[in-house]
Amino acid sequence: MPSKNLPTAVAIYTRVSTRGNGQDTENQRRELRKYCLKRDWKIVTEYTDEASGSTSQREEFVRLFEDASKKQFDLVLFWALDRFSREGALETLKHLERLTSHGVAWKSYTEEYLDSAGIFKDAIISIMATLAKQERVKISERTKAGLATAKARGKRLGRPPKIFDRGRLIRRRQAGASLSELAAEFGISRTHVARLVKAMPKP
């Protein structure tokens, strides 16, 4: 962070899913600009998305992180955490950690406790990390349950078996072809070829 004698260089991020229905990023920007003015913070850039927060593939959101990696500002100020991201605790935590790794602080305007430089920083990060861990466990459990269901239904898991003429492979090996040559010719790994060769009947 810069010296306290210098104005903090701030990037403002605003987002709405769609225009209308009372949603307008201008309302967010107006209040965020006033907030920065009161604190003598210099707004160096503003990012605005009109897109769902359930994905990180938002044009301005992507540009924000590109600029953060170049340290073009010291702090990202957003209206609320759900305006910044609605991807769940795990992905949201990753986004905040990315900003921190670039040396960029972050702050929510409407949620004073969500401040990477605030007194509740460690507690908030700890809570979010716990939620992210629970989210990872749930994802893992759903994946395992899905695999178990697929297996119970007789669905083959993993890569489909490679179909090739084993008899021809054995004949090529008997003719003097190397393991590497056979692997390239039949489109299988050298280890697979070695196993087949090892299982060949002895002359």
N, C-alpha and C. Protein backbone atom coordinates (compact mmCIF):
# COMPACT_ATOMS: atom_id res chain seq x y z
N MET A 1 0.84 -1.20 0.00
CA MET A 1 0.00 0.00 0.00
C MET A 1 0.87 1.25 0.00
N PRO A 2 0.40 2.36 -0.60
CA PRO A 2 1.20 3.58 -0.66
C PRO A 2 1.29 4.27 0.68
N SER A 3 2.12 5.27 0.75
CA SER A 3 2.26 6.06 1.97
C SER A 3 0.95 6.73 2.31
N LYS A 4 0.67 6.90 3.60
CA LYS A 4 -0.57 7.53 4.03
C LYS A 4 -0.62 8.99 3.60
N ASN A 5 0.52 9.56 3.21
CA ASN A 5 0.55 10.96 2.79
C ASN A 5 0.12 11.12 1.34
N LEU A 6 -0.03 9.99 0.64
CA LEU A 6 -0.41 10.04 -0.76
C LEU A 6 -1.81 9.46 -0.93
N PRO A 7 -2.59 9.97 -1.89
CA PRO A 7 -3.92 9.41 -2.12
C PRO A 7 -3.81 7.99 -2.65
N THR A 8 -4.66 7.11 -2.18
CA THR A 8 -4.67 5.73 -2.63
C THR A 8 -5.24 5.66 -4.04
N ALA A 9 -4.55 4.94 -4.91
CA ALA A 9 -5.03 4.75 -6.28
C ALA A 9 -6.08 3.64 -6.26
N VAL A 10 -7.30 3.99 -6.64
CA VAL A 10 -8.43 3.07 -6.52
C VAL A 10 -9.03 2.70 -7.87
N ALA A 11 -9.43 1.43 -7.99
CA ALA A 11 -10.21 0.97 -9.13
C ALA A 11 -11.61 0.66 -8.60
N ILE A 12 -12.61 1.16 -9.27
CA ILE A 12 -13.99 0.90 -8.89
C ILE A 12 -14.55 -0.19 -9.79
N TYR A 13 -15.22 -1.17 -9.17
CA TYR A 13 -15.88 -2.21 -9.96
C TYR A 13 -17.36 -2.23 -9.64
N THR A 14 -18.19 -2.14 -10.68
CA THR A 14 -19.64 -2.20 -10.50
C THR A 14 -20.21 -3.24 -11.46
N ARG A 15 -21.34 -3.82 -11.06
CA ARG A 15 -21.96 -4.84 -11.90
C ARG A 15 -23.46 -4.92 -11.64
N VAL A 16 -24.22 -5.13 -12.70
CA VAL A 16 -25.62 -5.51 -12.59
C VAL A 16 -25.83 -6.66 -13.58
N SER A 17 -26.82 -7.49 -13.31
CA SER A 17 -27.09 -8.61 -14.22
C SER A 17 -27.70 -8.11 -15.51
N THR A 18 -28.70 -7.24 -15.39
CA THR A 18 -29.37 -6.64 -16.55
C THR A 18 -29.83 -5.26 -16.19
N ARG A 19 -30.03 -4.43 -17.20
CA ARG A 19 -30.59 -3.10 -16.96
C ARG A 19 -32.09 -3.22 -16.66
N GLY A 20 -32.63 -2.26 -15.99
CA GLY A 20 -34.04 -2.27 -15.65
C GLY A 20 -34.29 -2.91 -14.30
N ASN A 21 -35.53 -3.00 -13.92
CA ASN A 21 -35.92 -3.59 -12.64
C ASN A 21 -35.16 -2.96 -11.47
N GLY A 22 -34.86 -1.68 -11.60
CA GLY A 22 -34.18 -0.98 -10.51
C GLY A 22 -32.68 -1.18 -10.50
N GLN A 23 -32.15 -1.93 -11.46
CA GLN A 23 -30.71 -2.19 -11.49
C GLN A 23 -30.02 -1.17 -12.39
N ASP A 24 -29.03 -0.49 -11.85
CA ASP A 24 -28.32 0.53 -12.61
C ASP A 24 -26.94 0.72 -11.99
N THR A 25 -25.91 0.49 -12.75
CA THR A 25 -24.55 0.63 -12.21
C THR A 25 -24.23 2.08 -11.88
N GLU A 26 -24.95 3.02 -12.48
CA GLU A 26 -24.67 4.43 -12.21
C GLU A 26 -24.93 4.76 -10.75
N ASN A 27 -25.94 4.14 -10.17
CA ASN A 27 -26.22 4.35 -8.75
C ASN A 27 -25.04 3.90 -7.89
N GLN A 28 -24.47 2.76 -8.24
CA GLN A 28 -23.31 2.24 -7.52
C GLN A 28 -22.12 3.18 -7.69
N ARG A 29 -21.86 3.56 -8.93
CA ARG A 29 -20.69 4.41 -9.21
C ARG A 29 -20.76 5.74 -8.48
N ARG A 30 -21.94 6.34 -8.46
CA ARG A 30 -22.09 7.65 -7.81
C ARG A 30 -21.70 7.59 -6.34
N GLU A 31 -22.18 6.56 -5.62
CA GLU A 31 -21.86 6.44 -4.21
C GLU A 31 -20.40 6.07 -3.98
N LEU A 32 -19.86 5.22 -4.82
CA LEU A 32 -18.46 4.81 -4.67
C LEU A 32 -17.52 5.99 -4.95
N ARG A 33 -17.88 6.83 -5.91
CA ARG A 33 -17.06 8.01 -6.20
C ARG A 33 -17.07 8.98 -5.02
N LYS A 34 -18.25 9.18 -4.42
CA LYS A 34 -18.37 10.07 -3.26
C LYS A 34 -17.54 9.52 -2.09
N TYR A 35 -17.56 8.21 -1.92
CA TYR A 35 -16.81 7.56 -0.84
C TYR A 35 -15.31 7.81 -1.02
N CYS A 36 -14.84 7.69 -2.24
CA CYS A 36 -13.41 7.91 -2.52
C CYS A 36 -13.04 9.38 -2.31
N LEU A 37 -13.91 10.26 -2.74
CA LEU A 37 -13.65 11.70 -2.61
C LEU A 37 -13.48 12.08 -1.14
N LYS A 38 -14.33 11.56 -0.27
CA LYS A 38 -14.26 11.87 1.16
C LYS A 38 -12.93 11.44 1.76
N ARG A 39 -12.34 10.38 1.20
CA ARG A 39 -11.10 9.84 1.76
C ARG A 39 -9.85 10.27 0.99
N ASP A 40 -10.05 11.16 0.04
CA ASP A 40 -8.94 11.66 -0.76
C ASP A 40 -8.26 10.51 -1.52
N TRP A 41 -9.08 9.58 -1.98
CA TRP A 41 -8.58 8.47 -2.79
C TRP A 41 -8.71 8.84 -4.27
N LYS A 42 -7.70 8.56 -5.02
CA LYS A 42 -7.71 8.88 -6.44
C LYS A 42 -8.26 7.71 -7.25
N ILE A 43 -9.34 7.93 -7.96
CA ILE A 43 -9.92 6.89 -8.82
C ILE A 43 -9.15 6.89 -10.14
N VAL A 44 -8.44 5.81 -10.40
CA VAL A 44 -7.63 5.74 -11.62
C VAL A 44 -8.33 5.03 -12.76
N THR A 45 -9.31 4.19 -12.44
CA THR A 45 -10.05 3.49 -13.48
C THR A 45 -11.33 2.91 -12.91
N GLU A 46 -12.30 2.70 -13.79
CA GLU A 46 -13.57 2.12 -13.39
C GLU A 46 -13.92 0.96 -14.33
N TYR A 47 -14.48 -0.09 -13.76
CA TYR A 47 -14.86 -1.27 -14.54
C TYR A 47 -16.34 -1.53 -14.31
N THR A 48 -17.07 -1.75 -15.37
CA THR A 48 -18.51 -1.98 -15.25
C THR A 48 -18.93 -3.16 -16.14
N ASP A 49 -19.61 -4.11 -15.53
CA ASP A 49 -20.15 -5.25 -16.28
C ASP A 49 -21.66 -5.28 -16.17
N GLU A 50 -22.30 -5.63 -17.24
CA GLU A 50 -23.73 -5.95 -17.23
C GLU A 50 -23.82 -7.41 -17.59
N ALA A 51 -23.62 -8.25 -16.60
CA ALA A 51 -23.56 -9.69 -16.82
C ALA A 51 -23.78 -10.42 -15.51
N SER A 52 -24.07 -11.69 -15.61
CA SER A 52 -24.26 -12.50 -14.41
C SER A 52 -22.97 -12.63 -13.64
N GLY A 53 -23.08 -12.58 -12.32
CA GLY A 53 -21.90 -12.73 -11.48
C GLY A 53 -21.55 -14.18 -11.21
N SER A 54 -22.29 -15.11 -11.84
CA SER A 54 -22.04 -16.53 -11.61
C SER A 54 -20.89 -17.07 -12.45
N THR A 55 -20.29 -16.21 -13.26
CA THR A 55 -19.13 -16.60 -14.05
C THR A 55 -18.07 -15.51 -13.97
N SER A 56 -16.81 -15.92 -14.05
CA SER A 56 -15.72 -14.94 -14.04
C SER A 56 -15.41 -14.44 -15.45
N GLN A 57 -16.04 -15.04 -16.44
CA GLN A 57 -15.79 -14.63 -17.82
C GLN A 57 -16.63 -13.42 -18.19
N ARG A 58 -16.36 -12.34 -17.43
CA ARG A 58 -16.99 -11.05 -17.70
C ARG A 58 -15.90 -10.13 -18.23
N GLU A 59 -16.20 -9.43 -19.29
CA GLU A 59 -15.16 -8.65 -19.99
C GLU A 59 -14.40 -7.71 -19.06
N GLU A 60 -15.12 -6.89 -18.30
CA GLU A 60 -14.46 -5.91 -17.44
C GLU A 60 -13.82 -6.57 -16.22
N PHE A 61 -14.42 -7.65 -15.74
CA PHE A 61 -13.86 -8.39 -14.61
C PHE A 61 -12.50 -8.97 -15.00
N VAL A 62 -12.42 -9.52 -16.18
CA VAL A 62 -11.16 -10.07 -16.68
C VAL A 62 -10.12 -8.96 -16.82
N ARG A 63 -10.56 -7.82 -17.37
CA ARG A 63 -9.63 -6.69 -17.55
C ARG A 63 -9.13 -6.17 -16.21
N LEU A 64 -9.99 -6.17 -15.20
CA LEU A 64 -9.61 -5.73 -13.87
C LEU A 64 -8.42 -6.53 -13.35
N PHE A 65 -8.48 -7.86 -13.51
CA PHE A 65 -7.40 -8.70 -13.00
C PHE A 65 -6.13 -8.55 -13.85
N GLU A 66 -6.29 -8.31 -15.12
CA GLU A 66 -5.11 -8.06 -15.97
C GLU A 66 -4.39 -6.80 -15.49
N ASP A 67 -5.15 -5.76 -15.20
CA ASP A 67 -4.57 -4.50 -14.74
C ASP A 67 -4.02 -4.63 -13.31
N ALA A 68 -4.68 -5.44 -12.49
CA ALA A 68 -4.20 -5.66 -11.12
C ALA A 68 -2.84 -6.33 -11.15
N SER A 69 -2.65 -7.26 -12.08
CA SER A 69 -1.36 -7.95 -12.18
C SER A 69 -0.24 -7.00 -12.58
N LYS A 70 -0.61 -5.87 -13.19
CA LYS A 70 0.37 -4.85 -13.59
C LYS A 70 0.48 -3.75 -12.53
N LYS A 71 -0.23 -3.96 -11.40
CA LYS A 71 -0.21 -3.02 -10.26
C LYS A 71 -0.59 -1.60 -10.69
N GLN A 72 -1.67 -1.49 -11.46
CA GLN A 72 -2.11 -0.18 -11.93
C GLN A 72 -2.95 0.57 -10.89
N PHE A 73 -3.27 -0.09 -9.78
CA PHE A 73 -4.00 0.55 -8.68
C PHE A 73 -3.66 -0.19 -7.40
N ASP A 74 -4.02 0.44 -6.27
CA ASP A 74 -3.69 -0.13 -4.96
C ASP A 74 -4.86 -0.85 -4.31
N LEU A 75 -6.08 -0.49 -4.72
CA LEU A 75 -7.26 -1.05 -4.05
C LEU A 75 -8.42 -1.15 -5.04
N VAL A 76 -9.20 -2.22 -4.90
CA VAL A 76 -10.43 -2.39 -5.68
C VAL A 76 -11.61 -2.17 -4.74
N LEU A 77 -12.45 -1.22 -5.09
CA LEU A 77 -13.63 -0.90 -4.29
C LEU A 77 -14.87 -1.35 -5.06
N PHE A 78 -15.69 -2.20 -4.43
CA PHE A 78 -16.92 -2.65 -5.08
C PHE A 78 -18.11 -2.42 -4.15
N TRP A 79 -19.29 -2.40 -4.72
CA TRP A 79 -20.50 -2.09 -3.96
C TRP A 79 -20.78 -3.12 -2.88
N ALA A 80 -20.78 -4.40 -3.25
CA ALA A 80 -21.02 -5.50 -2.33
C ALA A 80 -20.38 -6.75 -2.90
N LEU A 81 -20.12 -7.72 -2.05
CA LEU A 81 -19.42 -8.92 -2.51
C LEU A 81 -20.20 -9.64 -3.60
N ASP A 82 -21.54 -9.63 -3.53
CA ASP A 82 -22.31 -10.32 -4.57
C ASP A 82 -22.33 -9.55 -5.88
N ARG A 83 -21.91 -8.28 -5.84
CA ARG A 83 -21.72 -7.53 -7.09
C ARG A 83 -20.36 -7.90 -7.71
N PHE A 84 -19.42 -8.24 -6.85
CA PHE A 84 -18.07 -8.62 -7.30
C PHE A 84 -18.09 -10.03 -7.89
N SER A 85 -18.71 -10.97 -7.17
CA SER A 85 -18.79 -12.35 -7.65
C SER A 85 -19.92 -13.09 -6.95
N ARG A 86 -20.59 -13.93 -7.73
CA ARG A 86 -21.63 -14.80 -7.17
C ARG A 86 -21.33 -16.25 -7.55
N GLU A 87 -20.05 -16.57 -7.59
CA GLU A 87 -19.64 -17.91 -8.02
C GLU A 87 -19.53 -18.91 -6.87
N GLY A 88 -19.87 -18.48 -5.67
CA GLY A 88 -19.73 -19.35 -4.51
C GLY A 88 -18.50 -18.97 -3.71
N ALA A 89 -18.45 -19.45 -2.48
CA ALA A 89 -17.37 -19.06 -1.56
C ALA A 89 -16.00 -19.44 -2.08
N LEU A 90 -15.88 -20.62 -2.67
CA LEU A 90 -14.57 -21.11 -3.12
C LEU A 90 -13.98 -20.21 -4.20
N GLU A 91 -14.74 -19.96 -5.27
CA GLU A 91 -14.23 -19.16 -6.37
C GLU A 91 -14.05 -17.70 -5.97
N THR A 92 -14.98 -17.19 -5.16
CA THR A 92 -14.87 -15.80 -4.71
C THR A 92 -13.61 -15.60 -3.88
N LEU A 93 -13.34 -16.55 -3.01
CA LEU A 93 -12.12 -16.48 -2.19
C LEU A 93 -10.88 -16.49 -3.08
N LYS A 94 -10.90 -17.30 -4.13
CA LYS A 94 -9.76 -17.35 -5.06
C LYS A 94 -9.54 -16.00 -5.73
N HIS A 95 -10.63 -15.33 -6.10
CA HIS A 95 -10.51 -14.02 -6.74
C HIS A 95 -9.88 -13.01 -5.79
N LEU A 96 -10.34 -13.01 -4.54
CA LEU A 96 -9.79 -12.08 -3.55
C LEU A 96 -8.32 -12.39 -3.27
N GLU A 97 -7.99 -13.67 -3.22
CA GLU A 97 -6.59 -14.06 -2.99
C GLU A 97 -5.71 -13.65 -4.16
N ARG A 98 -6.26 -13.69 -5.36
CA ARG A 98 -5.49 -13.24 -6.54
C ARG A 98 -5.15 -11.76 -6.43
N LEU A 99 -6.13 -10.97 -6.01
CA LEU A 99 -5.86 -9.54 -5.84
C LEU A 99 -4.76 -9.33 -4.80
N THR A 100 -4.89 -10.03 -3.68
CA THR A 100 -3.90 -9.92 -2.61
C THR A 100 -2.51 -10.32 -3.11
N SER A 101 -2.44 -11.38 -3.92
CA SER A 101 -1.15 -11.84 -4.43
C SER A 101 -0.50 -10.81 -5.34
N HIS A 102 -1.33 -9.94 -5.94
CA HIS A 102 -0.80 -8.87 -6.80
C HIS A 102 -0.47 -7.61 -5.99
N GLY A 103 -0.67 -7.69 -4.67
CA GLY A 103 -0.41 -6.52 -3.83
C GLY A 103 -1.51 -5.50 -3.90
N VAL A 104 -2.71 -5.94 -4.27
CA VAL A 104 -3.85 -5.04 -4.41
C VAL A 104 -4.87 -5.35 -3.30
N ALA A 105 -5.26 -4.33 -2.57
CA ALA A 105 -6.25 -4.50 -1.50
C ALA A 105 -7.66 -4.48 -2.11
N TRP A 106 -8.64 -4.86 -1.32
CA TRP A 106 -10.03 -4.87 -1.78
C TRP A 106 -10.96 -4.47 -0.64
N LYS A 107 -12.09 -3.89 -1.03
CA LYS A 107 -13.02 -3.39 0.00
C LYS A 107 -14.44 -3.35 -0.55
N SER A 108 -15.39 -3.76 0.30
CA SER A 108 -16.80 -3.67 -0.04
C SER A 108 -17.38 -2.40 0.58
N TYR A 109 -18.10 -1.62 -0.20
CA TYR A 109 -18.67 -0.36 0.28
C TYR A 109 -19.79 -0.60 1.28
N THR A 110 -20.67 -1.55 1.01
CA THR A 110 -21.83 -1.76 1.87
C THR A 110 -21.59 -2.77 2.99
N GLU A 111 -20.44 -3.44 2.96
CA GLU A 111 -20.12 -4.43 3.99
C GLU A 111 -18.77 -4.07 4.59
N GLU A 112 -18.77 -3.22 5.61
CA GLU A 112 -17.54 -2.66 6.15
C GLU A 112 -16.55 -3.71 6.64
N TYR A 113 -17.07 -4.86 7.05
CA TYR A 113 -16.20 -5.91 7.56
C TYR A 113 -15.42 -6.60 6.44
N LEU A 114 -15.88 -6.44 5.18
CA LEU A 114 -15.17 -7.03 4.04
C LEU A 114 -14.14 -6.04 3.53
N ASP A 115 -13.00 -6.03 4.19
CA ASP A 115 -11.95 -5.05 3.91
C ASP A 115 -10.61 -5.73 4.17
N SER A 116 -9.82 -5.90 3.13
CA SER A 116 -8.56 -6.64 3.29
C SER A 116 -7.56 -5.89 4.16
N ALA A 117 -7.83 -4.62 4.46
CA ALA A 117 -6.95 -3.87 5.34
C ALA A 117 -7.64 -3.57 6.67
N GLY A 118 -8.85 -4.09 6.86
CA GLY A 118 -9.61 -3.80 8.06
C GLY A 118 -9.28 -4.72 9.23
N ILE A 119 -9.83 -4.38 10.38
CA ILE A 119 -9.52 -5.14 11.60
C ILE A 119 -10.16 -6.53 11.59
N PHE A 120 -11.18 -6.74 10.74
CA PHE A 120 -11.85 -8.05 10.69
C PHE A 120 -11.32 -8.92 9.56
N LYS A 121 -10.25 -8.47 8.91
CA LYS A 121 -9.75 -9.18 7.73
C LYS A 121 -9.51 -10.67 8.02
N ASP A 122 -8.73 -10.98 9.05
CA ASP A 122 -8.36 -12.37 9.32
C ASP A 122 -9.59 -13.22 9.63
N ALA A 123 -10.52 -12.66 10.37
CA ALA A 123 -11.73 -13.40 10.73
C ALA A 123 -12.57 -13.70 9.49
N ILE A 124 -12.72 -12.70 8.63
CA ILE A 124 -13.53 -12.86 7.42
C ILE A 124 -12.89 -13.88 6.48
N ILE A 125 -11.58 -13.77 6.28
CA ILE A 125 -10.89 -14.72 5.41
C ILE A 125 -11.00 -16.13 5.96
N SER A 126 -10.91 -16.26 7.29
CA SER A 126 -11.03 -17.57 7.92
C SER A 126 -12.41 -18.17 7.67
N ILE A 127 -13.44 -17.35 7.81
CA ILE A 127 -14.81 -17.82 7.59
C ILE A 127 -14.99 -18.22 6.13
N MET A 128 -14.51 -17.39 5.22
CA MET A 128 -14.65 -17.69 3.80
C MET A 128 -13.88 -18.95 3.43
N ALA A 129 -12.71 -19.14 4.03
CA ALA A 129 -11.90 -20.33 3.76
C ALA A 129 -12.63 -21.58 4.24
N THR A 130 -13.31 -21.47 5.40
CA THR A 130 -14.09 -22.59 5.93
C THR A 130 -15.25 -22.93 4.99
N LEU A 131 -15.93 -21.89 4.52
CA LEU A 131 -17.04 -22.10 3.59
C LEU A 131 -16.53 -22.71 2.28
N ALA A 132 -15.36 -22.24 1.83
CA ALA A 132 -14.77 -22.76 0.60
C ALA A 132 -14.41 -24.23 0.76
N LYS A 133 -13.88 -24.59 1.95
CA LYS A 133 -13.53 -25.98 2.22
C LYS A 133 -14.78 -26.87 2.19
N GLN A 134 -15.85 -26.39 2.80
CA GLN A 134 -17.10 -27.14 2.80
C GLN A 134 -17.63 -27.29 1.37
N GLU A 135 -17.45 -26.24 0.57
CA GLU A 135 -17.89 -26.29 -0.82
C GLU A 135 -17.10 -27.33 -1.60
N ARG A 136 -15.77 -27.39 -1.34
CA ARG A 136 -14.94 -28.39 -2.02
C ARG A 136 -15.38 -29.81 -1.64
N VAL A 137 -15.69 -30.00 -0.35
CA VAL A 137 -16.14 -31.31 0.12
C VAL A 137 -17.44 -31.70 -0.57
N LYS A 138 -18.38 -30.76 -0.67
CA LYS A 138 -19.66 -31.04 -1.32
C LYS A 138 -19.46 -31.40 -2.80
N ILE A 139 -18.56 -30.67 -3.46
CA ILE A 139 -18.29 -30.95 -4.87
C ILE A 139 -17.71 -32.36 -5.02
N SER A 140 -16.78 -32.70 -4.11
CA SER A 140 -16.16 -34.03 -4.14
C SER A 140 -17.20 -35.11 -3.89
N GLU A 141 -18.09 -34.87 -2.92
CA GLU A 141 -19.13 -35.85 -2.60
C GLU A 141 -20.09 -36.04 -3.77
N ARG A 142 -20.45 -34.93 -4.44
CA ARG A 142 -21.34 -35.04 -5.60
C ARG A 142 -20.67 -35.81 -6.73
N THR A 143 -19.37 -35.56 -6.92
CA THR A 143 -18.63 -36.26 -7.98
C THR A 143 -18.57 -37.75 -7.71
N LYS A 144 -18.25 -38.11 -6.45
CA LYS A 144 -18.18 -39.52 -6.08
C LYS A 144 -19.54 -40.19 -6.23
N ALA A 145 -20.59 -39.51 -5.82
CA ALA A 145 -21.94 -40.06 -5.92
C ALA A 145 -22.32 -40.27 -7.39
N GLY A 146 -21.93 -39.32 -8.23
CA GLY A 146 -22.22 -39.44 -9.66
C GLY A 146 -21.50 -40.61 -10.28
N LEU A 147 -20.23 -40.80 -9.91
CA LEU A 147 -19.45 -41.92 -10.43
C LEU A 147 -20.03 -43.26 -9.96
N ALA A 148 -20.44 -43.29 -8.69
CA ALA A 148 -21.01 -44.52 -8.15
C ALA A 148 -22.31 -44.88 -8.86
N THR A 149 -23.13 -43.86 -9.14
CA THR A 149 -24.39 -44.08 -9.85
C THR A 149 -24.13 -44.59 -11.26
N ALA A 150 -23.17 -43.96 -11.93
CA ALA A 150 -22.83 -44.37 -13.30
C ALA A 150 -22.32 -45.81 -13.32
N LYS A 151 -21.49 -46.16 -12.33
CA LYS A 151 -20.94 -47.51 -12.25
C LYS A 151 -22.04 -48.53 -11.99
N ALA A 152 -23.00 -48.14 -11.11
CA ALA A 152 -24.11 -49.04 -10.80
C ALA A 152 -24.98 -49.30 -12.01
N ARG A 153 -25.03 -48.34 -12.91
CA ARG A 153 -25.83 -48.48 -14.12
C ARG A 153 -25.07 -49.19 -15.23
N GLY A 154 -23.84 -49.60 -14.91
CA GLY A 154 -23.05 -50.34 -15.88
C GLY A 154 -22.26 -49.49 -16.84
N LYS A 155 -22.19 -48.21 -16.57
CA LYS A 155 -21.44 -47.32 -17.45
C LYS A 155 -19.96 -47.47 -17.19
N ARG A 156 -19.18 -47.62 -18.26
CA ARG A 156 -17.74 -47.77 -18.12
C ARG A 156 -17.12 -46.42 -17.82
N LEU A 157 -16.28 -46.35 -16.80
CA LEU A 157 -15.64 -45.11 -16.41
C LEU A 157 -14.23 -45.05 -16.97
N GLY A 158 -13.74 -43.84 -17.13
CA GLY A 158 -12.39 -43.67 -17.65
C GLY A 158 -12.37 -43.67 -19.17
N ARG A 159 -11.17 -43.71 -19.73
CA ARG A 159 -11.00 -43.67 -21.16
C ARG A 159 -11.52 -44.96 -21.80
N PRO A 160 -12.09 -44.86 -23.01
CA PRO A 160 -12.52 -46.08 -23.71
C PRO A 160 -11.30 -46.90 -24.10
N PRO A 161 -11.42 -48.23 -24.12
CA PRO A 161 -10.27 -49.06 -24.47
C PRO A 161 -9.82 -48.83 -25.91
N LYS A 162 -8.52 -48.88 -26.12
CA LYS A 162 -7.95 -48.69 -27.44
C LYS A 162 -8.10 -49.98 -28.24
N ILE A 163 -8.69 -49.88 -29.41
CA ILE A 163 -8.91 -51.06 -30.24
C ILE A 163 -7.79 -51.17 -31.27
N PHE A 164 -7.11 -52.29 -31.28
CA PHE A 164 -6.04 -52.52 -32.25
C PHE A 164 -5.87 -54.03 -32.42
N ASP A 165 -5.14 -54.40 -33.44
CA ASP A 165 -4.91 -55.82 -33.78
C ASP A 165 -3.73 -56.34 -32.96
N ARG A 166 -4.03 -57.03 -31.86
CA ARG A 166 -2.96 -57.52 -31.00
C ARG A 166 -2.11 -58.58 -31.70
N GLY A 167 -2.79 -59.40 -32.51
CA GLY A 167 -2.04 -60.44 -33.23
C GLY A 167 -1.00 -59.83 -34.15
N ARG A 168 -1.39 -58.74 -34.81
CA ARG A 168 -0.44 -58.07 -35.71
C ARG A 168 0.69 -57.45 -34.93
N LEU A 169 0.37 -56.88 -33.76
CA LEU A 169 1.41 -56.28 -32.92
C LEU A 169 2.44 -57.34 -32.51
N ILE A 170 1.94 -58.50 -32.12
CA ILE A 170 2.85 -59.58 -31.71
C ILE A 170 3.73 -60.01 -32.88
N ARG A 171 3.13 -60.11 -34.06
CA ARG A 171 3.91 -60.51 -35.24
C ARG A 171 4.98 -59.47 -35.57
N ARG A 172 4.61 -58.19 -35.42
CA ARG A 172 5.58 -57.11 -35.69
C ARG A 172 6.73 -57.18 -34.69
N ARG A 173 6.39 -57.49 -33.43
CA ARG A 173 7.43 -57.61 -32.40
C ARG A 173 8.36 -58.78 -32.70
N GLN A 174 7.77 -59.89 -33.10
CA GLN A 174 8.56 -61.07 -33.44
C GLN A 174 9.46 -60.81 -34.65
N ALA A 175 9.03 -59.85 -35.48
CA ALA A 175 9.82 -59.50 -36.66
C ALA A 175 10.94 -58.52 -36.32
N GLY A 176 10.98 -58.07 -35.06
CA GLY A 176 12.09 -57.22 -34.62
C GLY A 176 11.74 -55.77 -34.35
N ALA A 177 10.45 -55.39 -34.41
CA ALA A 177 10.06 -53.98 -34.16
C ALA A 177 10.31 -53.64 -32.69
N SER A 178 10.78 -52.42 -32.42
CA SER A 178 11.05 -51.99 -31.06
C SER A 178 9.76 -51.59 -30.35
N LEU A 179 9.84 -51.47 -29.02
CA LEU A 179 8.68 -51.06 -28.24
C LEU A 179 8.19 -49.68 -28.68
N SER A 180 9.13 -48.75 -28.90
CA SER A 180 8.76 -47.39 -29.30
C SER A 180 8.09 -47.38 -30.67
N GLU A 181 8.61 -48.18 -31.59
CA GLU A 181 8.02 -48.26 -32.92
C GLU A 181 6.60 -48.80 -32.85
N LEU A 182 6.39 -49.82 -32.03
CA LEU A 182 5.06 -50.41 -31.90
C LEU A 182 4.08 -49.44 -31.24
N ALA A 183 4.57 -48.69 -30.24
CA ALA A 183 3.71 -47.72 -29.56
C ALA A 183 3.23 -46.66 -30.55
N ALA A 184 4.13 -46.17 -31.38
CA ALA A 184 3.77 -45.15 -32.36
C ALA A 184 2.85 -45.72 -33.43
N GLU A 185 3.11 -46.91 -33.86
CA GLU A 185 2.33 -47.54 -34.93
C GLU A 185 0.90 -47.86 -34.52
N PHE A 186 0.74 -48.36 -33.28
CA PHE A 186 -0.59 -48.79 -32.85
C PHE A 186 -1.31 -47.75 -31.97
N GLY A 187 -0.64 -46.63 -31.72
CA GLY A 187 -1.29 -45.55 -30.98
C GLY A 187 -1.54 -45.86 -29.52
N ILE A 188 -0.65 -46.59 -28.89
CA ILE A 188 -0.77 -46.90 -27.47
C ILE A 188 0.54 -46.53 -26.79
N SER A 189 0.54 -46.56 -25.47
CA SER A 189 1.75 -46.17 -24.74
C SER A 189 2.81 -47.25 -24.82
N ARG A 190 4.06 -46.86 -24.64
CA ARG A 190 5.17 -47.81 -24.65
C ARG A 190 5.02 -48.81 -23.50
N THR A 191 4.48 -48.32 -22.37
CA THR A 191 4.25 -49.20 -21.22
C THR A 191 3.24 -50.28 -21.55
N HIS A 192 2.19 -49.90 -22.28
CA HIS A 192 1.16 -50.86 -22.70
C HIS A 192 1.77 -51.90 -23.60
N VAL A 193 2.59 -51.45 -24.54
CA VAL A 193 3.26 -52.39 -25.45
C VAL A 193 4.12 -53.37 -24.66
N ALA A 194 4.85 -52.83 -23.67
CA ALA A 194 5.74 -53.67 -22.86
C ALA A 194 4.95 -54.75 -22.13
N ARG A 195 3.76 -54.40 -21.62
CA ARG A 195 2.94 -55.38 -20.92
C ARG A 195 2.48 -56.49 -21.87
N LEU A 196 2.10 -56.07 -23.07
CA LEU A 196 1.64 -57.07 -24.06
C LEU A 196 2.77 -57.99 -24.46
N VAL A 197 3.95 -57.41 -24.67
CA VAL A 197 5.11 -58.20 -25.07
C VAL A 197 5.48 -59.20 -23.97
N LYS A 198 5.39 -58.73 -22.72
CA LYS A 198 5.74 -59.58 -21.59
C LYS A 198 4.79 -60.77 -21.49
N ALA A 199 3.52 -60.55 -21.92
CA ALA A 199 2.52 -61.61 -21.83
C ALA A 199 2.54 -62.53 -23.06
N MET A 200 3.42 -62.21 -24.02
CA MET A 200 3.49 -63.05 -25.22
C MET A 200 3.93 -64.46 -24.85
N PRO A 201 3.36 -65.46 -25.49
CA PRO A 201 3.80 -66.85 -25.20
C PRO A 201 5.26 -67.03 -25.62
N LYS A 202 5.99 -67.77 -24.81
CA LYS A 202 7.40 -68.01 -25.11
C LYS A 202 7.51 -68.96 -26.29
N PRO A 203 8.45 -68.68 -27.19
CA PRO A 203 8.63 -69.58 -28.35
C PRO A 203 9.16 -70.93 -27.93
